[in-house]
C-alpha cells in the first residue's frame, strides 16, 4: 500500500516542526539544530525511497 506524499509532509510538520518551534522559543539552539537535521534527513529519505 502506497501512502500519498502529503502524509509524509504532515508527519514531518507535526513531529519535527513542532519540536523545532519549541526549541527555538526556548532558545536552545543545539536542540533546534538537532531537530532540524533529523527532520530534513527523515523527509529526504522518505521521498528518496518513493
PDB file of N, CA and C in Angstrom:
ATOM      1  N   UNK A   1       0.837  -1.187   0.000  1.00  0.00           N
ATOM      2  CA  UNK A   1       0.000   0.000   0.000  1.00  0.00           C
ATOM      3  C   UNK A   1       0.878   1.246   0.000  1.00  0.00           C
ATOM      4  N   UNK A   2       0.675   2.112  -0.955  1.00  0.00           N
ATOM      5  CA  UNK A   2       1.477   3.324  -1.081  1.00  0.00           C
ATOM      6  C   UNK A   2       0.755   4.488  -0.419  1.00  0.00           C
ATOM      7  N   UNK A   3       1.471   5.189   0.461  1.00  0.00           N
ATOM      8  CA  UNK A   3       0.875   6.348   1.126  1.00  0.00           C
ATOM      9  C   UNK A   3       1.093   7.591   0.274  1.00  0.00           C
ATOM     10  N   UNK A   4       0.127   8.486   0.243  1.00  0.00           N
ATOM     11  CA  UNK A   4       0.305   9.737  -0.509  1.00  0.00           C
ATOM     12  C   UNK A   4       1.440  10.576   0.077  1.00  0.00           C
ATOM     13  N   UNK A   5       2.073  11.362  -0.758  1.00  0.00           N
ATOM     14  CA  UNK A   5       3.236  12.138  -0.311  1.00  0.00           C
ATOM     15  C   UNK A   5       2.864  13.210   0.711  1.00  0.00           C
ATOM     16  N   UNK A   6       1.629  13.707   0.688  1.00  0.00           N
ATOM     17  CA  UNK A   6       1.266  14.741   1.659  1.00  0.00           C
ATOM     18  C   UNK A   6       1.211  14.188   3.077  1.00  0.00           C
ATOM     19  N   UNK A   7       1.035  12.869   3.225  1.00  0.00           N
ATOM     20  CA  UNK A   7       1.051  12.261   4.557  1.00  0.00           C
ATOM     21  C   UNK A   7       2.450  12.393   5.150  1.00  0.00           C
ATOM     22  N   UNK A   8       3.470  12.178   4.347  1.00  0.00           N
ATOM     23  CA  UNK A   8       4.850  12.306   4.816  1.00  0.00           C
ATOM     24  C   UNK A   8       5.143  13.736   5.267  1.00  0.00           C
ATOM     25  N   UNK A   9       4.655  14.693   4.520  1.00  0.00           N
ATOM     26  CA  UNK A   9       4.875  16.094   4.865  1.00  0.00           C
ATOM     27  C   UNK A   9       4.130  16.462   6.148  1.00  0.00           C
ATOM     28  N   UNK A  10       2.943  15.914   6.315  1.00  0.00           N
ATOM     29  CA  UNK A  10       2.164  16.178   7.521  1.00  0.00           C
ATOM     30  C   UNK A  10       2.879  15.635   8.758  1.00  0.00           C
ATOM     31  N   UNK A  11       3.398  14.432   8.666  1.00  0.00           N
ATOM     32  CA  UNK A  11       4.138  13.845   9.784  1.00  0.00           C
ATOM     33  C   UNK A  11       5.381  14.675  10.082  1.00  0.00           C
ATOM     34  N   UNK A  12       6.061  15.119   9.050  1.00  0.00           N
ATOM     35  CA  UNK A  12       7.239  15.960   9.223  1.00  0.00           C
ATOM     36  C   UNK A  12       6.892  17.234   9.984  1.00  0.00           C
ATOM     37  N   UNK A  13       5.811  17.885   9.584  1.00  0.00           N
ATOM     38  CA  UNK A  13       5.416  19.137  10.236  1.00  0.00           C
ATOM     39  C   UNK A  13       4.997  18.889  11.680  1.00  0.00           C
ATOM     40  N   UNK A  14       4.227  17.836  11.896  1.00  0.00           N
ATOM     41  CA  UNK A  14       3.731  17.577  13.248  1.00  0.00           C
ATOM     42  C   UNK A  14       4.848  17.265  14.232  1.00  0.00           C
ATOM     43  N   UNK A  15       5.696  16.326  13.896  1.00  0.00           N
ATOM     44  CA  UNK A  15       6.698  15.886  14.861  1.00  0.00           C
ATOM     45  C   UNK A  15       7.926  16.789  14.899  1.00  0.00           C
ATOM     46  N   UNK A  16       8.550  16.996  13.770  1.00  0.00           N
ATOM     47  CA  UNK A  16       9.788  17.760  13.757  1.00  0.00           C
ATOM     48  C   UNK A  16       9.532  19.265  13.785  1.00  0.00           C
ATOM     49  N   UNK A  17       8.486  19.709  13.130  1.00  0.00           N
ATOM     50  CA  UNK A  17       8.191  21.139  13.097  1.00  0.00           C
ATOM     51  C   UNK A  17       7.826  21.696  14.457  1.00  0.00           C
ATOM     52  N   UNK A  18       6.948  21.004  15.163  1.00  0.00           N
ATOM     53  CA  UNK A  18       6.538  21.469  16.490  1.00  0.00           C
ATOM     54  C   UNK A  18       7.708  21.420  17.465  1.00  0.00           C
ATOM     55  N   UNK A  19       8.488  20.354  17.418  1.00  0.00           N
ATOM     56  CA  UNK A  19       9.661  20.254  18.300  1.00  0.00           C
ATOM     57  C   UNK A  19      10.673  21.354  17.979  1.00  0.00           C
ATOM     58  N   UNK A  20      10.836  21.649  16.702  1.00  0.00           N
ATOM     59  CA  UNK A  20      11.763  22.709  16.296  1.00  0.00           C
ATOM     60  C   UNK A  20      11.286  24.072  16.788  1.00  0.00           C
ATOM     61  N   UNK A  21      10.010  24.346  16.668  1.00  0.00           N
ATOM     62  CA  UNK A  21       9.460  25.627  17.128  1.00  0.00           C
ATOM     63  C   UNK A  21       9.640  25.779  18.638  1.00  0.00           C
ATOM     64  N   UNK A  22       9.378  24.717  19.379  1.00  0.00           N
ATOM     65  CA  UNK A  22       9.553  24.780  20.834  1.00  0.00           C
ATOM     66  C   UNK A  22      11.006  25.008  21.213  1.00  0.00           C
ATOM     67  N   UNK A  23      11.927  24.357  20.519  1.00  0.00           N
ATOM     68  CA  UNK A  23      13.350  24.537  20.824  1.00  0.00           C
ATOM     69  C   UNK A  23      13.799  25.965  20.511  1.00  0.00           C
ATOM     70  N   UNK A  24      13.286  26.528  19.437  1.00  0.00           N
ATOM     71  CA  UNK A  24      13.645  27.903  19.077  1.00  0.00           C
ATOM     72  C   UNK A  24      13.079  28.880  20.105  1.00  0.00           C
ATOM     73  N   UNK A  25      11.850  28.643  20.550  1.00  0.00           N
ATOM     74  CA  UNK A  25      11.249  29.542  21.544  1.00  0.00           C
ATOM     75  C   UNK A  25      12.015  29.519  22.858  1.00  0.00           C
ATOM     76  N   UNK A  26      12.584  28.365  23.210  1.00  0.00           N
ATOM     77  CA  UNK A  26      13.374  28.270  24.445  1.00  0.00           C
ATOM     78  C   UNK A  26      14.818  28.697  24.225  1.00  0.00           C
ATOM     79  N   UNK A  27      15.133  29.079  23.000  1.00  0.00           N
ATOM     80  CA  UNK A  27      16.487  29.488  22.603  1.00  0.00           C
ATOM     81  C   UNK A  27      17.527  28.401  22.886  1.00  0.00           C
ATOM     82  N   UNK A  28      17.106  27.168  22.665  1.00  0.00           N
ATOM     83  CA  UNK A  28      18.000  26.022  22.798  1.00  0.00           C
ATOM     84  C   UNK A  28      18.471  25.666  21.388  1.00  0.00           C
ATOM     85  N   UNK A  29      19.560  26.308  20.956  1.00  0.00           N
ATOM     86  CA  UNK A  29      19.992  26.207  19.559  1.00  0.00           C
ATOM     87  C   UNK A  29      20.541  24.834  19.220  1.00  0.00           C
ATOM     88  N   UNK A  30      21.151  24.140  20.168  1.00  0.00           N
ATOM     89  CA  UNK A  30      21.659  22.797  19.897  1.00  0.00           C
ATOM     90  C   UNK A  30      20.502  21.837  19.628  1.00  0.00           C
ATOM     91  N   UNK A  31      19.481  21.906  20.448  1.00  0.00           N
ATOM     92  CA  UNK A  31      18.300  21.051  20.255  1.00  0.00           C
ATOM     93  C   UNK A  31      17.564  21.425  18.969  1.00  0.00           C
ATOM     94  N   UNK A  32      17.470  22.712  18.675  1.00  0.00           N
ATOM     95  CA  UNK A  32      16.799  23.152  17.449  1.00  0.00           C
ATOM     96  C   UNK A  32      17.530  22.640  16.214  1.00  0.00           C
ATOM     97  N   UNK A  33      18.853  22.719  16.223  1.00  0.00           N
ATOM     98  CA  UNK A  33      19.606  22.230  15.066  1.00  0.00           C
ATOM     99  C   UNK A  33      19.514  20.710  14.943  1.00  0.00           C
ATOM    100  N   UNK A  34      19.452  20.008  16.069  1.00  0.00           N
ATOM    101  CA  UNK A  34      19.288  18.555  16.036  1.00  0.00           C
ATOM    102  C   UNK A  34      17.942  18.180  15.419  1.00  0.00           C
ATOM    103  N   UNK A  35      16.863  18.817  15.857  1.00  0.00           N
ATOM    104  CA  UNK A  35      15.543  18.519  15.297  1.00  0.00           C
ATOM    105  C   UNK A  35      15.470  18.889  13.822  1.00  0.00           C
ATOM    106  N   UNK A  36      16.078  19.990  13.436  1.00  0.00           N
ATOM    107  CA  UNK A  36      16.076  20.386  12.041  1.00  0.00           C
ATOM    108  C   UNK A  36      16.822  19.365  11.190  1.00  0.00           C
ATOM    109  N   UNK A  37      17.997  18.943  11.648  1.00  0.00           N
ATOM    110  CA  UNK A  37      18.774  17.959  10.900  1.00  0.00           C
ATOM    111  C   UNK A  37      18.041  16.613  10.804  1.00  0.00           C
ATOM    112  N   UNK A  38      17.469  16.161  11.910  1.00  0.00           N
ATOM    113  CA  UNK A  38      16.732  14.899  11.889  1.00  0.00           C
ATOM    114  C   UNK A  38      15.511  14.979  10.974  1.00  0.00           C
ATOM    115  N   UNK A  39      14.833  16.090  11.011  1.00  0.00           N
ATOM    116  CA  UNK A  39      13.660  16.264  10.163  1.00  0.00           C
ATOM    117  C   UNK A  39      14.002  16.281   8.690  1.00  0.00           C
ATOM    118  N   UNK A  40      15.055  16.998   8.325  1.00  0.00           N
ATOM    119  CA  UNK A  40      15.462  17.080   6.927  1.00  0.00           C
ATOM    120  C   UNK A  40      15.921  15.716   6.421  1.00  0.00           C
ATOM    121  N   UNK A  41      16.716  15.007   7.208  1.00  0.00           N
ATOM    122  CA  UNK A  41      17.193  13.682   6.797  1.00  0.00           C
ATOM    123  C   UNK A  41      16.024  12.709   6.668  1.00  0.00           C
ATOM    124  N   UNK A  42      15.105  12.764   7.602  1.00  0.00           N
ATOM    125  CA  UNK A  42      13.940  11.881   7.565  1.00  0.00           C
ATOM    126  C   UNK A  42      13.075  12.163   6.342  1.00  0.00           C
ATOM    127  N   UNK A  43      12.810  13.420   6.069  1.00  0.00           N
ATOM    128  CA  UNK A  43      11.995  13.785   4.915  1.00  0.00           C
ATOM    129  C   UNK A  43      12.706  13.427   3.611  1.00  0.00           C
ATOM    130  N   UNK A  44      13.996  13.677   3.530  1.00  0.00           N
ATOM    131  CA  UNK A  44      14.773  13.346   2.334  1.00  0.00           C
ATOM    132  C   UNK A  44      14.758  11.840   2.071  1.00  0.00           C
ATOM    133  N   UNK A  45      14.969  11.042   3.128  1.00  0.00           N
ATOM    134  CA  UNK A  45      14.983   9.590   2.967  1.00  0.00           C
ATOM    135  C   UNK A  45      13.608   9.072   2.554  1.00  0.00           C
ATOM    136  N   UNK A  46      12.576   9.681   3.088  1.00  0.00           N
ATOM    137  CA  UNK A  46      11.219   9.253   2.765  1.00  0.00           C
ATOM    138  C   UNK A  46      10.889   9.511   1.306  1.00  0.00           C
ATOM    139  N   UNK A  47      11.245  10.685   0.796  1.00  0.00           N
ATOM    140  CA  UNK A  47      10.944  10.986  -0.606  1.00  0.00           C
ATOM    141  C   UNK A  47      11.878  10.240  -1.552  1.00  0.00           C
ATOM    142  N   UNK A  48      13.106   9.973  -1.138  1.00  0.00           N
ATOM    143  CA  UNK A  48      14.034   9.237  -1.985  1.00  0.00           C
ATOM    144  C   UNK A  48      13.591   7.779  -2.124  1.00  0.00           C
ATOM    145  N   UNK A  49      13.025   7.247  -1.052  1.00  0.00           N
ATOM    146  CA  UNK A  49      12.543   5.858  -1.044  1.00  0.00           C
ATOM    147  C   UNK A  49      11.414   5.673  -2.052  1.00  0.00           C
ATOM    148  N   UNK A  50      10.549   6.669  -2.153  1.00  0.00           N
ATOM    149  CA  UNK A  50       9.380   6.573  -3.023  1.00  0.00           C
ATOM    150  C   UNK A  50       9.717   6.827  -4.429  1.00  0.00           C
TER     151      UNK A  50
END
